[in-house]
C-alpha atoms as a PDB file:
ATOM      1  CA  GLN A   1     -12.245   6.684  -8.711  1.00  0.00           C
ATOM      2  CA  VAL A   2     -12.508   8.630  -5.475  1.00  0.00           C
ATOM      3  CA  GLN A   3      -9.505   9.745  -3.493  1.00  0.00           C
ATOM      4  CA  LEU A   4      -9.747   9.744   0.287  1.00  0.00           C
ATOM      5  CA  VAL A   5      -7.348  11.807   2.388  1.00  0.00           C
ATOM      6  CA  GLU A   6      -7.145  11.326   6.128  1.00  0.00           C
ATOM      7  CA  SER A   7      -5.470  13.752   8.512  1.00  0.00           C
ATOM      8  CA  GLY A   8      -5.292  14.740  12.156  1.00  0.00           C
ATOM      9  CA  GLY A   9      -3.326  11.889  13.640  1.00  0.00           C
ATOM     10  CA  GLY A  10      -0.366  12.260  15.951  1.00  0.00           C
ATOM     11  CA  LEU A  11       1.177  11.337  19.259  1.00  0.00           C
ATOM     12  CA  VAL A  12      -1.033  11.770  22.293  1.00  0.00           C
ATOM     13  CA  GLN A  13      -0.816  10.675  25.905  1.00  0.00           C
ATOM     14  CA  PRO A  14      -3.287   8.188  27.348  1.00  0.00           C
ATOM     15  CA  GLY A  15      -6.493   9.991  28.246  1.00  0.00           C
ATOM     16  CA  GLY A  16      -5.959  12.599  25.576  1.00  0.00           C
ATOM     17  CA  SER A  17      -8.030  13.524  22.554  1.00  0.00           C
ATOM     18  CA  LEU A  18      -7.618  13.823  18.811  1.00  0.00           C
ATOM     19  CA  ARG A  19      -9.909  14.769  15.963  1.00  0.00           C
ATOM     20  CA  LEU A  20      -9.398  13.011  12.663  1.00  0.00           C
ATOM     21  CA  SER A  21     -10.630  14.380   9.350  1.00  0.00           C
ATOM     22  CA  CYS A  22     -11.354  12.708   6.038  1.00  0.00           C
ATOM     23  CA  ALA A  23     -11.775  14.573   2.786  1.00  0.00           C
ATOM     24  CA  ALA A  24     -13.015  13.043  -0.444  1.00  0.00           C
ATOM     25  CA  SER A  25     -12.307  14.173  -3.986  1.00  0.00           C
ATOM     26  CA  ARG A  26     -15.998  13.931  -4.862  1.00  0.00           C
ATOM     27  CA  SER A  27     -19.213  14.611  -3.013  1.00  0.00           C
ATOM     28  CA  ILE A  28     -19.891  11.115  -1.736  1.00  0.00           C
ATOM     29  CA  PHE A  29     -20.447  11.317   1.975  1.00  0.00           C
ATOM     30  CA  ARG A  30     -24.028  12.569   1.917  1.00  0.00           C
ATOM     31  CA  ILE A  31     -25.224   9.734  -0.315  1.00  0.00           C
ATOM     32  CA  ASN A  32     -23.476   6.818   1.357  1.00  0.00           C
ATOM     33  CA  THR A  33     -22.867   5.115   4.628  1.00  0.00           C
ATOM     34  CA  VAL A  34     -19.315   6.028   5.555  1.00  0.00           C
ATOM     35  CA  GLY A  35     -16.981   4.872   8.241  1.00  0.00           C
ATOM     36  CA  TRP A  36     -13.640   4.922   9.976  1.00  0.00           C
ATOM     37  CA  TYR A  37     -11.426   1.863  10.047  1.00  0.00           C
ATOM     38  CA  ARG A  38      -8.175   1.265  11.837  1.00  0.00           C
ATOM     39  CA  GLN A  39      -5.295  -1.153  11.553  1.00  0.00           C
ATOM     40  CA  ALA A  40      -2.995  -1.741  14.473  1.00  0.00           C
ATOM     41  CA  PRO A  41       0.465  -3.279  13.990  1.00  0.00           C
ATOM     42  CA  GLY A  42       0.163  -6.983  13.317  1.00  0.00           C
ATOM     43  CA  LYS A  43      -3.632  -6.907  13.256  1.00  0.00           C
ATOM     44  CA  GLN A  44      -6.334  -6.869  10.623  1.00  0.00           C
ATOM     45  CA  ARG A  45      -8.080  -3.674   9.655  1.00  0.00           C
ATOM     46  CA  GLU A  46     -11.294  -3.218  11.622  1.00  0.00           C
ATOM     47  CA  LEU A  47     -14.306  -0.938  11.354  1.00  0.00           C
ATOM     48  CA  VAL A  48     -14.585   1.289  14.422  1.00  0.00           C
ATOM     49  CA  ALA A  49     -17.375   3.718  13.535  1.00  0.00           C
ATOM     50  CA  SER A  50     -19.920   4.314  10.806  1.00  0.00           C
ATOM     51  CA  ILE A  51     -22.644   6.802   9.992  1.00  0.00           C
ATOM     52  CA  SER A  52     -25.510   6.167   7.629  1.00  0.00           C
ATOM     53  CA  ILE A  53     -27.139   8.474   5.105  1.00  0.00           C
ATOM     54  CA  VAL A  54     -29.799   9.387   7.656  1.00  0.00           C
ATOM     55  CA  GLY A  55     -27.293   9.846  10.442  1.00  0.00           C
ATOM     56  CA  ASN A  56     -27.523   6.565  12.315  1.00  0.00           C
ATOM     57  CA  LYS A  57     -24.220   5.878  14.033  1.00  0.00           C
ATOM     58  CA  ASN A  58     -22.630   2.613  15.021  1.00  0.00           C
ATOM     59  CA  TYR A  59     -19.466   1.969  16.986  1.00  0.00           C
ATOM     60  CA  ALA A  60     -17.263  -0.949  17.801  1.00  0.00           C
ATOM     61  CA  ASP A  61     -17.589  -1.963  21.433  1.00  0.00           C
ATOM     62  CA  SER A  62     -13.969  -1.037  22.037  1.00  0.00           C
ATOM     63  CA  VAL A  63     -14.583   2.656  21.233  1.00  0.00           C
ATOM     64  CA  LYS A  64     -18.207   3.110  22.244  1.00  0.00           C
ATOM     65  CA  GLY A  65     -18.637   6.108  24.522  1.00  0.00           C
ATOM     66  CA  ARG A  66     -15.222   7.514  23.618  1.00  0.00           C
ATOM     67  CA  PHE A  67     -15.333   8.099  19.854  1.00  0.00           C
ATOM     68  CA  THR A  68     -17.831  10.165  17.897  1.00  0.00           C
ATOM     69  CA  ILE A  69     -18.255  10.060  14.131  1.00  0.00           C
ATOM     70  CA  SER A  70     -19.708  13.005  12.254  1.00  0.00           C
ATOM     71  CA  ARG A  71     -20.097  14.267   8.737  1.00  0.00           C
ATOM     72  CA  ASP A  72     -20.205  17.690   7.101  1.00  0.00           C
ATOM     73  CA  ASN A  73     -21.984  17.201   3.809  1.00  0.00           C
ATOM     74  CA  ALA A  74     -21.421  20.765   2.684  1.00  0.00           C
ATOM     75  CA  GLU A  75     -17.686  20.428   3.117  1.00  0.00           C
ATOM     76  CA  ASN A  76     -17.606  16.808   1.915  1.00  0.00           C
ATOM     77  CA  THR A  77     -15.679  15.915   5.021  1.00  0.00           C
ATOM     78  CA  MET A  78     -16.119  13.435   7.805  1.00  0.00           C
ATOM     79  CA  TYR A  79     -14.617  13.414  11.268  1.00  0.00           C
ATOM     80  CA  LEU A  80     -13.761  11.126  14.135  1.00  0.00           C
ATOM     81  CA  GLN A  81     -13.539  12.749  17.542  1.00  0.00           C
ATOM     82  CA  MET A  82     -11.523  10.489  19.799  1.00  0.00           C
ATOM     83  CA  ASN A  83     -11.537  11.072  23.542  1.00  0.00           C
ATOM     84  CA  SER A  84     -10.096   9.165  26.487  1.00  0.00           C
ATOM     85  CA  LEU A  85      -7.564   7.558  24.189  1.00  0.00           C
ATOM     86  CA  LYS A  86      -5.884   4.340  25.260  1.00  0.00           C
ATOM     87  CA  PRO A  87      -2.633   2.739  24.127  1.00  0.00           C
ATOM     88  CA  GLU A  88      -4.697   0.053  22.386  1.00  0.00           C
ATOM     89  CA  ASP A  89      -6.149   2.759  20.124  1.00  0.00           C
ATOM     90  CA  THR A  90      -2.741   3.082  18.492  1.00  0.00           C
ATOM     91  CA  ALA A  91      -3.235   2.352  14.807  1.00  0.00           C
ATOM     92  CA  VAL A  92      -3.391   3.817  11.339  1.00  0.00           C
ATOM     93  CA  TYR A  93      -6.882   5.187  10.801  1.00  0.00           C
ATOM     94  CA  TYR A  94      -8.626   5.151   7.436  1.00  0.00           C
ATOM     95  CA  CYS A  95     -11.963   6.345   6.114  1.00  0.00           C
ATOM     96  CA  ASN A  96     -14.088   4.819   3.393  1.00  0.00           C
ATOM     97  CA  VAL A  97     -17.548   4.461   1.938  1.00  0.00           C
ATOM     98  CA  ILE A  98     -19.275   1.292   3.091  1.00  0.00           C
ATOM     99  CA  ARG A  99     -21.344  -0.821   0.705  1.00  0.00           C
ATOM    100  CA  GLY A 100     -21.184  -4.308   2.094  1.00  0.00           C
ATOM    101  CA  GLY A 101     -17.548  -3.499   2.841  1.00  0.00           C
ATOM    102  CA  PRO A 102     -15.108  -0.734   1.991  1.00  0.00           C
ATOM    103  CA  LEU A 103     -15.870   0.553  -1.484  1.00  0.00           C
ATOM    104  CA  TYR A 104     -12.878   2.577  -2.613  1.00  0.00           C
ATOM    105  CA  ALA A 105      -9.135   2.158  -2.621  1.00  0.00           C
ATOM    106  CA  TRP A 106      -7.612   2.993   0.708  1.00  0.00           C
ATOM    107  CA  GLY A 107      -5.950   6.331   1.288  1.00  0.00           C
ATOM    108  CA  GLN A 108      -2.667   6.695   3.127  1.00  0.00           C
ATOM    109  CA  GLY A 109      -4.389   6.829   6.465  1.00  0.00           C
ATOM    110  CA  THR A 110      -3.345   8.841   9.473  1.00  0.00           C
ATOM    111  CA  LEU A 111      -1.270   7.399  12.301  1.00  0.00           C
ATOM    112  CA  VAL A 112      -2.497   7.704  15.858  1.00  0.00           C
ATOM    113  CA  THR A 113      -0.031   6.829  18.584  1.00  0.00           C
ATOM    114  CA  VAL A 114      -1.180   6.768  22.184  1.00  0.00           C
ATOM    115  CA  SER A 115       1.770   6.601  24.509  1.00  0.00           C
ATOM    116  CA  SER A 116       3.201   8.253  27.571  1.00  0.00           C
END
């Protein structure tokens, strides 16, 4: 089993930025499509960004142009740069490998709160 550890969340004002990180216990990012999910209070978990093995990136319409996903294969870490944050971005953010859906057990996630 692979352990996923997310970090970098916090409280930020609308319009602000945060950079989330995801570390895995094994070297999995370079050989898989990986992504960031989020779950807002009272809502289902949704995929917001993904990056394929060859570096193709996809984003949910709600974050397109504001969020950037990246991956450091050498460090076995992936990132989500979030700019121009909105209150509706408030959620717990999770990372995972994607094979038809999330592959591994969820980590604890990292809470992002966008509020003035």
